[in-house]
Amino acid sequence: MRGRWASAAIGASVARSRASAAGQQQAQAAQAQQQQAQAQIQAQQQQIEALQQQQSQKPQQPQQEDPMQKLQKYADLKQKGIITEEEYQKLKTEVLSKM
């Protein structure tokens, strides 16, 4: 009878050791995932900073083209037959309404 109890105790001890090792492996895997996530976040932050720096270095383009230049461009397109009289009138109305 004592042999069975000793075997059971040894088996339980082995099971606890295995469970502990599995738990440690899971903890290590979770830690590795967390480190990988942190690395990805840092990489993304660096990309954002690089894009922001590029944007600040670009010369600012004028917000709007001169309305008279737009009208001239549309008149040229109409004269060349690229747009119709109707399209020209519509574009002209839009430009003039923004003035």
PDB file of N, CA and C in Angstrom:
ATOM      1  N   MET A   1       0.818  -1.174   0.000  1.00  0.00           N
ATOM      2  CA  MET A   1       0.000   0.000   0.000  1.00  0.00           C
ATOM      3  C   MET A   1       0.867   1.244   0.000  1.00  0.00           C
ATOM      4  N   ARG A   2       1.938   1.140   0.747  1.00  0.00           N
ATOM      5  CA  ARG A   2       2.826   2.278   0.802  1.00  0.00           C
ATOM      6  C   ARG A   2       3.408   2.591  -0.574  1.00  0.00           C
ATOM      7  N   GLY A   3       3.654   1.620  -1.374  1.00  0.00           N
ATOM      8  CA  GLY A   3       4.200   1.808  -2.711  1.00  0.00           C
ATOM      9  C   GLY A   3       3.265   2.599  -3.604  1.00  0.00           C
ATOM     10  N   ARG A   4       1.966   2.316  -3.440  1.00  0.00           N
ATOM     11  CA  ARG A   4       1.003   3.052  -4.241  1.00  0.00           C
ATOM     12  C   ARG A   4       0.968   4.525  -3.850  1.00  0.00           C
ATOM     13  N   TRP A   5       1.016   4.768  -2.559  1.00  0.00           N
ATOM     14  CA  TRP A   5       0.983   6.157  -2.085  1.00  0.00           C
ATOM     15  C   TRP A   5       2.229   6.907  -2.543  1.00  0.00           C
ATOM     16  N   ALA A   6       3.351   6.220  -2.511  1.00  0.00           N
ATOM     17  CA  ALA A   6       4.595   6.854  -2.942  1.00  0.00           C
ATOM     18  C   ALA A   6       4.537   7.154  -4.437  1.00  0.00           C
ATOM     19  N   SER A   7       3.996   6.210  -5.203  1.00  0.00           N
ATOM     20  CA  SER A   7       3.859   6.427  -6.637  1.00  0.00           C
ATOM     21  C   SER A   7       2.914   7.583  -6.927  1.00  0.00           C
ATOM     22  N   ALA A   8       1.821   7.640  -6.193  1.00  0.00           N
ATOM     23  CA  ALA A   8       0.847   8.702  -6.376  1.00  0.00           C
ATOM     24  C   ALA A   8       1.463  10.050  -6.013  1.00  0.00           C
ATOM     25  N   ALA A   9       2.243  10.074  -4.935  1.00  0.00           N
ATOM     26  CA  ALA A   9       2.882  11.321  -4.504  1.00  0.00           C
ATOM     27  C   ALA A   9       3.900  11.779  -5.543  1.00  0.00           C
ATOM     28  N   ILE A  10       4.651  10.824  -6.066  1.00  0.00           N
ATOM     29  CA  ILE A  10       5.640  11.167  -7.095  1.00  0.00           C
ATOM     30  C   ILE A  10       4.923  11.651  -8.352  1.00  0.00           C
ATOM     31  N   GLY A  11       3.845  10.978  -8.740  1.00  0.00           N
ATOM     32  CA  GLY A  11       3.067  11.378  -9.918  1.00  0.00           C
ATOM     33  C   GLY A  11       2.497  12.777  -9.747  1.00  0.00           C
ATOM     34  N   ALA A  12       1.998  13.064  -8.567  1.00  0.00           N
ATOM     35  CA  ALA A  12       1.438  14.392  -8.306  1.00  0.00           C
ATOM     36  C   ALA A  12       2.534  15.446  -8.370  1.00  0.00           C
ATOM     37  N   SER A  13       3.679  15.120  -7.851  1.00  0.00           N
ATOM     38  CA  SER A  13       4.807  16.052  -7.882  1.00  0.00           C
ATOM     39  C   SER A  13       5.239  16.334  -9.321  1.00  0.00           C
ATOM     40  N   VAL A  14       5.290  15.280 -10.136  1.00  0.00           N
ATOM     41  CA  VAL A  14       5.651  15.450 -11.546  1.00  0.00           C
ATOM     42  C   VAL A  14       4.599  16.303 -12.254  1.00  0.00           C
ATOM     43  N   ALA A  15       3.332  16.067 -11.954  1.00  0.00           N
ATOM     44  CA  ALA A  15       2.254  16.830 -12.575  1.00  0.00           C
ATOM     45  C   ALA A  15       2.351  18.299 -12.201  1.00  0.00           C
ATOM     46  N   ARG A  16       2.646  18.584 -10.909  1.00  0.00           N
ATOM     47  CA  ARG A  16       2.801  19.978 -10.473  1.00  0.00           C
ATOM     48  C   ARG A  16       3.980  20.630 -11.189  1.00  0.00           C
ATOM     49  N   SER A  17       5.062  19.892 -11.331  1.00  0.00           N
ATOM     50  CA  SER A  17       6.246  20.431 -12.017  1.00  0.00           C
ATOM     51  C   SER A  17       5.924  20.756 -13.472  1.00  0.00           C
ATOM     52  N   ARG A  18       5.221  19.854 -14.114  1.00  0.00           N
ATOM     53  CA  ARG A  18       4.845  20.086 -15.508  1.00  0.00           C
ATOM     54  C   ARG A  18       3.899  21.279 -15.641  1.00  0.00           C
ATOM     55  N   ALA A  19       2.939  21.371 -14.727  1.00  0.00           N
ATOM     56  CA  ALA A  19       1.994  22.484 -14.751  1.00  0.00           C
ATOM     57  C   ALA A  19       2.735  23.801 -14.511  1.00  0.00           C
ATOM     58  N   SER A  20       3.683  23.774 -13.612  1.00  0.00           N
ATOM     59  CA  SER A  20       4.466  24.976 -13.336  1.00  0.00           C
ATOM     60  C   SER A  20       5.283  25.379 -14.558  1.00  0.00           C
ATOM     61  N   ALA A  21       5.873  24.393 -15.229  1.00  0.00           N
ATOM     62  CA  ALA A  21       6.666  24.671 -16.429  1.00  0.00           C
ATOM     63  C   ALA A  21       5.768  25.223 -17.535  1.00  0.00           C
ATOM     64  N   ALA A  22       4.571  24.668 -17.669  1.00  0.00           N
ATOM     65  CA  ALA A  22       3.634  25.145 -18.685  1.00  0.00           C
ATOM     66  C   ALA A  22       3.213  26.582 -18.380  1.00  0.00           C
ATOM     67  N   GLY A  23       2.979  26.854 -17.113  1.00  0.00           N
ATOM     68  CA  GLY A  23       2.619  28.213 -16.711  1.00  0.00           C
ATOM     69  C   GLY A  23       3.737  29.195 -17.000  1.00  0.00           C
ATOM     70  N   GLN A  24       4.962  28.783 -16.755  1.00  0.00           N
ATOM     71  CA  GLN A  24       6.106  29.644 -17.037  1.00  0.00           C
ATOM     72  C   GLN A  24       6.233  29.889 -18.536  1.00  0.00           C
ATOM     73  N   GLN A  25       5.998  28.848 -19.325  1.00  0.00           N
ATOM     74  CA  GLN A  25       6.061  29.010 -20.778  1.00  0.00           C
ATOM     75  C   GLN A  25       4.991  29.982 -21.268  1.00  0.00           C
ATOM     76  N   GLN A  26       3.805  29.875 -20.704  1.00  0.00           N
ATOM     77  CA  GLN A  26       2.728  30.784 -21.081  1.00  0.00           C
ATOM     78  C   GLN A  26       3.074  32.223 -20.698  1.00  0.00           C
ATOM     79  N   ALA A  27       3.648  32.385 -19.521  1.00  0.00           N
ATOM     80  CA  ALA A  27       4.038  33.720 -19.071  1.00  0.00           C
ATOM     81  C   ALA A  27       5.117  34.291 -19.984  1.00  0.00           C
ATOM     82  N   GLN A  28       6.071  33.446 -20.372  1.00  0.00           N
ATOM     83  CA  GLN A  28       7.125  33.905 -21.267  1.00  0.00           C
ATOM     84  C   GLN A  28       6.562  34.269 -22.644  1.00  0.00           C
ATOM     85  N   ALA A  29       5.618  33.488 -23.128  1.00  0.00           N
ATOM     86  CA  ALA A  29       4.998  33.769 -24.418  1.00  0.00           C
ATOM     87  C   ALA A  29       4.221  35.087 -24.356  1.00  0.00           C
ATOM     88  N   ALA A  30       3.517  35.300 -23.262  1.00  0.00           N
ATOM     89  CA  ALA A  30       2.763  36.540 -23.098  1.00  0.00           C
ATOM     90  C   ALA A  30       3.711  37.737 -23.043  1.00  0.00           C
ATOM     91  N   GLN A  31       4.810  37.570 -22.351  1.00  0.00           N
ATOM     92  CA  GLN A  31       5.799  38.646 -22.247  1.00  0.00           C
ATOM     93  C   GLN A  31       6.412  38.937 -23.624  1.00  0.00           C
ATOM     94  N   ALA A  32       6.683  37.883 -24.392  1.00  0.00           N
ATOM     95  CA  ALA A  32       7.244  38.076 -25.732  1.00  0.00           C
ATOM     96  C   ALA A  32       6.249  38.816 -26.631  1.00  0.00           C
ATOM     97  N   GLN A  33       4.969  38.471 -26.513  1.00  0.00           N
ATOM     98  CA  GLN A  33       3.942  39.149 -27.301  1.00  0.00           C
ATOM     99  C   GLN A  33       3.849  40.625 -26.917  1.00  0.00           C
ATOM    100  N   GLN A  34       3.946  40.891 -25.628  1.00  0.00           N
ATOM    101  CA  GLN A  34       3.881  42.267 -25.160  1.00  0.00           C
ATOM    102  C   GLN A  34       5.077  43.070 -25.669  1.00  0.00           C
ATOM    103  N   GLN A  35       6.249  42.468 -25.659  1.00  0.00           N
ATOM    104  CA  GLN A  35       7.440  43.146 -26.165  1.00  0.00           C
ATOM    105  C   GLN A  35       7.310  43.409 -27.662  1.00  0.00           C
ATOM    106  N   GLN A  36       6.761  42.449 -28.379  1.00  0.00           N
ATOM    107  CA  GLN A  36       6.569  42.623 -29.816  1.00  0.00           C
ATOM    108  C   GLN A  36       5.570  43.755 -30.088  1.00  0.00           C
ATOM    109  N   ALA A  37       4.518  43.818 -29.301  1.00  0.00           N
ATOM    110  CA  ALA A  37       3.529  44.878 -29.461  1.00  0.00           C
ATOM    111  C   ALA A  37       4.164  46.242 -29.175  1.00  0.00           C
ATOM    112  N   GLN A  38       4.991  46.304 -28.150  1.00  0.00           N
ATOM    113  CA  GLN A  38       5.675  47.560 -27.824  1.00  0.00           C
ATOM    114  C   GLN A  38       6.594  47.987 -28.969  1.00  0.00           C
ATOM    115  N   ALA A  39       7.289  47.020 -29.550  1.00  0.00           N
ATOM    116  CA  ALA A  39       8.183  47.325 -30.675  1.00  0.00           C
ATOM    117  C   ALA A  39       7.385  47.856 -31.864  1.00  0.00           C
ATOM    118  N   GLN A  40       6.226  47.274 -32.121  1.00  0.00           N
ATOM    119  CA  GLN A  40       5.376  47.744 -33.219  1.00  0.00           C
ATOM    120  C   GLN A  40       4.876  49.159 -32.955  1.00  0.00           C
ATOM    121  N   ILE A  41       4.499  49.427 -31.718  1.00  0.00           N
ATOM    122  CA  ILE A  41       4.030  50.770 -31.359  1.00  0.00           C
ATOM    123  C   ILE A  41       5.141  51.784 -31.565  1.00  0.00           C
ATOM    124  N   GLN A  42       6.339  51.447 -31.136  1.00  0.00           N
ATOM    125  CA  GLN A  42       7.476  52.355 -31.307  1.00  0.00           C
ATOM    126  C   GLN A  42       7.762  52.596 -32.787  1.00  0.00           C
ATOM    127  N   ALA A  43       7.692  51.550 -33.585  1.00  0.00           N
ATOM    128  CA  ALA A  43       7.931  51.699 -35.023  1.00  0.00           C
ATOM    129  C   ALA A  43       6.877  52.606 -35.646  1.00  0.00           C
ATOM    130  N   GLN A  44       5.630  52.433 -35.245  1.00  0.00           N
ATOM    131  CA  GLN A  44       4.559  53.276 -35.778  1.00  0.00           C
ATOM    132  C   GLN A  44       4.740  54.729 -35.350  1.00  0.00           C
ATOM    133  N   GLN A  45       5.158  54.933 -34.116  1.00  0.00           N
ATOM    134  CA  GLN A  45       5.390  56.297 -33.648  1.00  0.00           C
ATOM    135  C   GLN A  45       6.517  56.954 -34.443  1.00  0.00           C
ATOM    136  N   GLN A  46       7.538  56.189 -34.747  1.00  0.00           N
ATOM    137  CA  GLN A  46       8.639  56.726 -35.547  1.00  0.00           C
ATOM    138  C   GLN A  46       8.164  57.084 -36.951  1.00  0.00           C
ATOM    139  N   GLN A  47       7.307  56.247 -37.523  1.00  0.00           N
ATOM    140  CA  GLN A  47       6.767  56.534 -38.853  1.00  0.00           C
ATOM    141  C   GLN A  47       5.921  57.806 -38.820  1.00  0.00           C
ATOM    142  N   ILE A  48       5.121  57.966 -37.789  1.00  0.00           N
ATOM    143  CA  ILE A  48       4.280  59.156 -37.662  1.00  0.00           C
ATOM    144  C   ILE A  48       5.160  60.399 -37.547  1.00  0.00           C
ATOM    145  N   GLU A  49       6.189  60.310 -36.720  1.00  0.00           N
ATOM    146  CA  GLU A  49       7.092  61.448 -36.552  1.00  0.00           C
ATOM    147  C   GLU A  49       7.790  61.787 -37.863  1.00  0.00           C
ATOM    148  N   ALA A  50       8.196  60.770 -38.615  1.00  0.00           N
ATOM    149  CA  ALA A  50       8.863  61.007 -39.898  1.00  0.00           C
ATOM    150  C   ALA A  50       7.906  61.684 -40.876  1.00  0.00           C
ATOM    151  N   LEU A  51       6.645  61.238 -40.913  1.00  0.00           N
ATOM    152  CA  LEU A  51       5.653  61.854 -41.798  1.00  0.00           C
ATOM    153  C   LEU A  51       5.366  63.301 -41.390  1.00  0.00           C
ATOM    154  N   GLN A  52       5.291  63.529 -40.076  1.00  0.00           N
ATOM    155  CA  GLN A  52       5.053  64.887 -39.608  1.00  0.00           C
ATOM    156  C   GLN A  52       6.219  65.799 -39.989  1.00  0.00           C
ATOM    157  N   GLN A  53       7.415  65.273 -39.890  1.00  0.00           N
ATOM    158  CA  GLN A  53       8.588  66.053 -40.245  1.00  0.00           C
ATOM    159  C   GLN A  53       8.585  66.361 -41.749  1.00  0.00           C
ATOM    160  N   GLN A  54       8.213  65.373 -42.560  1.00  0.00           N
ATOM    161  CA  GLN A  54       8.137  65.596 -44.000  1.00  0.00           C
ATOM    162  C   GLN A  54       7.108  66.671 -44.323  1.00  0.00           C
ATOM    163  N   GLN A  55       5.970  66.610 -43.645  1.00  0.00           N
ATOM    164  CA  GLN A  55       4.913  67.597 -43.893  1.00  0.00           C
ATOM    165  C   GLN A  55       5.383  69.001 -43.532  1.00  0.00           C
ATOM    166  N   SER A  56       6.133  69.118 -42.444  1.00  0.00           N
ATOM    167  CA  SER A  56       6.574  70.439 -42.025  1.00  0.00           C
ATOM    168  C   SER A  56       7.654  70.990 -42.956  1.00  0.00           C
ATOM    169  N   GLN A  57       8.342  70.120 -43.678  1.00  0.00           N
ATOM    170  CA  GLN A  57       9.394  70.551 -44.577  1.00  0.00           C
ATOM    171  C   GLN A  57       8.875  70.918 -45.957  1.00  0.00           C
ATOM    172  N   LYS A  58       7.677  70.488 -46.297  1.00  0.00           N
ATOM    173  CA  LYS A  58       7.114  70.793 -47.610  1.00  0.00           C
ATOM    174  C   LYS A  58       6.742  72.265 -47.674  1.00  0.00           C
ATOM    175  N   PRO A  59       7.046  72.906 -48.787  1.00  0.00           N
ATOM    176  CA  PRO A  59       6.626  74.308 -48.920  1.00  0.00           C
ATOM    177  C   PRO A  59       5.110  74.370 -49.004  1.00  0.00           C
ATOM    178  N   GLN A  60       4.550  75.351 -48.372  1.00  0.00           N
ATOM    179  CA  GLN A  60       3.100  75.497 -48.368  1.00  0.00           C
ATOM    180  C   GLN A  60       2.632  76.002 -49.727  1.00  0.00           C
ATOM    181  N   GLN A  61       1.698  75.287 -50.311  1.00  0.00           N
ATOM    182  CA  GLN A  61       1.145  75.680 -51.594  1.00  0.00           C
ATOM    183  C   GLN A  61      -0.013  76.651 -51.344  1.00  0.00           C
ATOM    184  N   PRO A  62      -0.234  77.534 -52.273  1.00  0.00           N
ATOM    185  CA  PRO A  62      -1.350  78.461 -52.083  1.00  0.00           C
ATOM    186  C   PRO A  62      -2.657  77.686 -51.958  1.00  0.00           C
ATOM    187  N   GLN A  63      -3.513  78.161 -51.086  1.00  0.00           N
ATOM    188  CA  GLN A  63      -4.767  77.462 -50.823  1.00  0.00           C
ATOM    189  C   GLN A  63      -5.705  77.501 -52.021  1.00  0.00           C
ATOM    190  N   GLN A  64      -5.752  78.633 -52.699  1.00  0.00           N
ATOM    191  CA  GLN A  64      -6.660  78.738 -53.833  1.00  0.00           C
ATOM    192  C   GLN A  64      -5.957  79.421 -54.997  1.00  0.00           C
ATOM    193  N   GLU A  65      -6.355  78.989 -56.156  1.00  0.00           N
ATOM    194  CA  GLU A  65      -5.864  79.622 -57.373  1.00  0.00           C
ATOM    195  C   GLU A  65      -6.640  80.926 -57.575  1.00  0.00           C
ATOM    196  N   ASP A  66      -6.006  81.894 -58.172  1.00  0.00           N
ATOM    197  CA  ASP A  66      -6.646  83.168 -58.454  1.00  0.00           C
ATOM    198  C   ASP A  66      -7.895  82.941 -59.311  1.00  0.00           C
ATOM    199  N   PRO A  67      -9.024  83.501 -58.914  1.00  0.00           N
ATOM    200  CA  PRO A  67     -10.265  83.284 -59.683  1.00  0.00           C
ATOM    201  C   PRO A  67     -10.145  83.710 -61.145  1.00  0.00           C
ATOM    202  N   MET A  68      -9.422  84.778 -61.403  1.00  0.00           N
ATOM    203  CA  MET A  68      -9.270  85.233 -62.785  1.00  0.00           C
ATOM    204  C   MET A  68      -8.473  84.219 -63.603  1.00  0.00           C
ATOM    205  N   GLN A  69      -7.482  83.597 -62.971  1.00  0.00           N
ATOM    206  CA  GLN A  69      -6.707  82.564 -63.664  1.00  0.00           C
ATOM    207  C   GLN A  69      -7.584  81.351 -63.965  1.00  0.00           C
ATOM    208  N   LYS A  70      -8.431  81.009 -63.012  1.00  0.00           N
ATOM    209  CA  LYS A  70      -9.347  79.883 -63.239  1.00  0.00           C
ATOM    210  C   LYS A  70     -10.273  80.180 -64.415  1.00  0.00           C
ATOM    211  N   LEU A  71     -10.842  81.366 -64.407  1.00  0.00           N
ATOM    212  CA  LEU A  71     -11.754  81.723 -65.497  1.00  0.00           C
ATOM    213  C   LEU A  71     -11.042  81.684 -66.850  1.00  0.00           C
ATOM    214  N   GLN A  72      -9.809  82.163 -66.882  1.00  0.00           N
ATOM    215  CA  GLN A  72      -9.037  82.154 -68.123  1.00  0.00           C
ATOM    216  C   GLN A  72      -8.763  80.716 -68.571  1.00  0.00           C
ATOM    217  N   LYS A  73      -8.431  79.868 -67.598  1.00  0.00           N
ATOM    218  CA  LYS A  73      -8.163  78.464 -67.917  1.00  0.00           C
ATOM    219  C   LYS A  73      -9.418  77.796 -68.488  1.00  0.00           C
ATOM    220  N   TYR A  74     -10.561  78.066 -67.852  1.00  0.00           N
ATOM    221  CA  TYR A  74     -11.817  77.481 -68.342  1.00  0.00           C
ATOM    222  C   TYR A  74     -12.165  78.012 -69.739  1.00  0.00           C
ATOM    223  N   ALA A  75     -11.923  79.309 -69.968  1.00  0.00           N
ATOM    224  CA  ALA A  75     -12.200  79.888 -71.288  1.00  0.00           C
ATOM    225  C   ALA A  75     -11.311  79.227 -72.343  1.00  0.00           C
ATOM    226  N   ASP A  76     -10.054  78.975 -71.997  1.00  0.00           N
ATOM    227  CA  ASP A  76      -9.147  78.300 -72.929  1.00  0.00           C
ATOM    228  C   ASP A  76      -9.637  76.886 -73.234  1.00  0.00           C
ATOM    229  N   LEU A  77     -10.086  76.180 -72.194  1.00  0.00           N
ATOM    230  CA  LEU A  77     -10.604  74.819 -72.402  1.00  0.00           C
ATOM    231  C   LEU A  77     -11.832  74.834 -73.316  1.00  0.00           C
ATOM    232  N   LYS A  78     -12.692  75.832 -73.109  1.00  0.00           N
ATOM    233  CA  LYS A  78     -13.887  75.949 -73.952  1.00  0.00           C
ATOM    234  C   LYS A  78     -13.496  76.253 -75.397  1.00  0.00           C
ATOM    235  N   GLN A  79     -12.538  77.170 -75.567  1.00  0.00           N
ATOM    236  CA  GLN A  79     -12.110  77.564 -76.914  1.00  0.00           C
ATOM    237  C   GLN A  79     -11.484  76.383 -77.653  1.00  0.00           C
ATOM    238  N   LYS A  80     -10.787  75.515 -76.924  1.00  0.00           N
ATOM    239  CA  LYS A  80     -10.146  74.350 -77.545  1.00  0.00           C
ATOM    240  C   LYS A  80     -11.137  73.212 -77.776  1.00  0.00           C
ATOM    241  N   GLY A  81     -12.346  73.369 -77.273  1.00  0.00           N
ATOM    242  CA  GLY A  81     -13.356  72.340 -77.475  1.00  0.00           C
ATOM    243  C   GLY A  81     -13.286  71.211 -76.456  1.00  0.00           C
ATOM    244  N   ILE A  82     -12.519  71.406 -75.394  1.00  0.00           N
ATOM    245  CA  ILE A  82     -12.382  70.366 -74.374  1.00  0.00           C
ATOM    246  C   ILE A  82     -13.609  70.326 -73.476  1.00  0.00           C
ATOM    247  N   ILE A  83     -14.184  71.499 -73.209  1.00  0.00           N
ATOM    248  CA  ILE A  83     -15.429  71.552 -72.456  1.00  0.00           C
ATOM    249  C   ILE A  83     -16.463  72.294 -73.290  1.00  0.00           C
ATOM    250  N   THR A  84     -17.722  72.036 -72.991  1.00  0.00           N
ATOM    251  CA  THR A  84     -18.816  72.679 -73.742  1.00  0.00           C
ATOM    252  C   THR A  84     -19.126  74.047 -73.150  1.00  0.00           C
ATOM    253  N   GLU A  85     -19.940  74.809 -73.863  1.00  0.00           N
ATOM    254  CA  GLU A  85     -20.380  76.124 -73.374  1.00  0.00           C
ATOM    255  C   GLU A  85     -21.128  75.963 -72.052  1.00  0.00           C
ATOM    256  N   GLU A  86     -21.942  74.927 -71.984  1.00  0.00           N
ATOM    257  CA  GLU A  86     -22.714  74.671 -70.755  1.00  0.00           C
ATOM    258  C   GLU A  86     -21.780  74.391 -69.571  1.00  0.00           C
ATOM    259  N   GLU A  87     -20.768  73.564 -69.799  1.00  0.00           N
ATOM    260  CA  GLU A  87     -19.812  73.255 -68.731  1.00  0.00           C
ATOM    261  C   GLU A  87     -19.040  74.512 -68.327  1.00  0.00           C
ATOM    262  N   TYR A  88     -18.677  75.303 -69.310  1.00  0.00           N
ATOM    263  CA  TYR A  88     -17.954  76.546 -69.039  1.00  0.00           C
ATOM    264  C   TYR A  88     -18.803  77.485 -68.174  1.00  0.00           C
ATOM    265  N   GLN A  89     -20.051  77.630 -68.517  1.00  0.00           N
ATOM    266  CA  GLN A  89     -20.934  78.517 -67.758  1.00  0.00           C
ATOM    267  C   GLN A  89     -21.091  78.030 -66.314  1.00  0.00           C
ATOM    268  N   LYS A  90     -21.202  76.716 -66.154  1.00  0.00           N
ATOM    269  CA  LYS A  90     -21.340  76.148 -64.813  1.00  0.00           C
ATOM    270  C   LYS A  90     -20.076  76.424 -63.990  1.00  0.00           C
ATOM    271  N   LEU A  91     -18.900  76.172 -64.569  1.00  0.00           N
ATOM    272  CA  LEU A  91     -17.639  76.413 -63.871  1.00  0.00           C
ATOM    273  C   LEU A  91     -17.456  77.907 -63.559  1.00  0.00           C
ATOM    274  N   LYS A  92     -17.831  78.734 -64.499  1.00  0.00           N
ATOM    275  CA  LYS A  92     -17.709  80.179 -64.333  1.00  0.00           C
ATOM    276  C   LYS A  92     -18.594  80.640 -63.179  1.00  0.00           C
ATOM    277  N   THR A  93     -19.819  80.104 -63.121  1.00  0.00           N
ATOM    278  CA  THR A  93     -20.742  80.450 -62.030  1.00  0.00           C
ATOM    279  C   THR A  93     -20.171  80.032 -60.683  1.00  0.00           C
ATOM    280  N   GLU A  94     -19.566  78.848 -60.614  1.00  0.00           N
ATOM    281  CA  GLU A  94     -18.967  78.376 -59.361  1.00  0.00           C
ATOM    282  C   GLU A  94     -17.847  79.289 -58.909  1.00  0.00           C
ATOM    283  N   VAL A  95     -16.979  79.673 -59.833  1.00  0.00           N
ATOM    284  CA  VAL A  95     -15.868  80.556 -59.477  1.00  0.00           C
ATOM    285  C   VAL A  95     -16.367  81.910 -58.998  1.00  0.00           C
ATOM    286  N   LEU A  96     -17.317  82.469 -59.723  1.00  0.00           N
ATOM    287  CA  LEU A  96     -17.818  83.787 -59.371  1.00  0.00           C
ATOM    288  C   LEU A  96     -18.594  83.766 -58.043  1.00  0.00           C
ATOM    289  N   SER A  97     -19.243  82.653 -57.739  1.00  0.00           N
ATOM    290  CA  SER A  97     -19.990  82.569 -56.474  1.00  0.00           C
ATOM    291  C   SER A  97     -19.065  82.509 -55.263  1.00  0.00           C
ATOM    292  N   LYS A  98     -17.823  82.107 -55.468  1.00  0.00           N
ATOM    293  CA  LYS A  98     -16.853  82.024 -54.365  1.00  0.00           C
ATOM    294  C   LYS A  98     -16.109  83.339 -54.132  1.00  0.00           C
ATOM    295  N   MET A  99     -16.354  84.282 -54.985  1.00  0.00           N
ATOM    296  CA  MET A  99     -15.659  85.575 -54.850  1.00  0.00           C
ATOM    297  C   MET A  99     -16.331  86.454 -53.836  1.00  0.00           C
TER     298      MET A  99
END
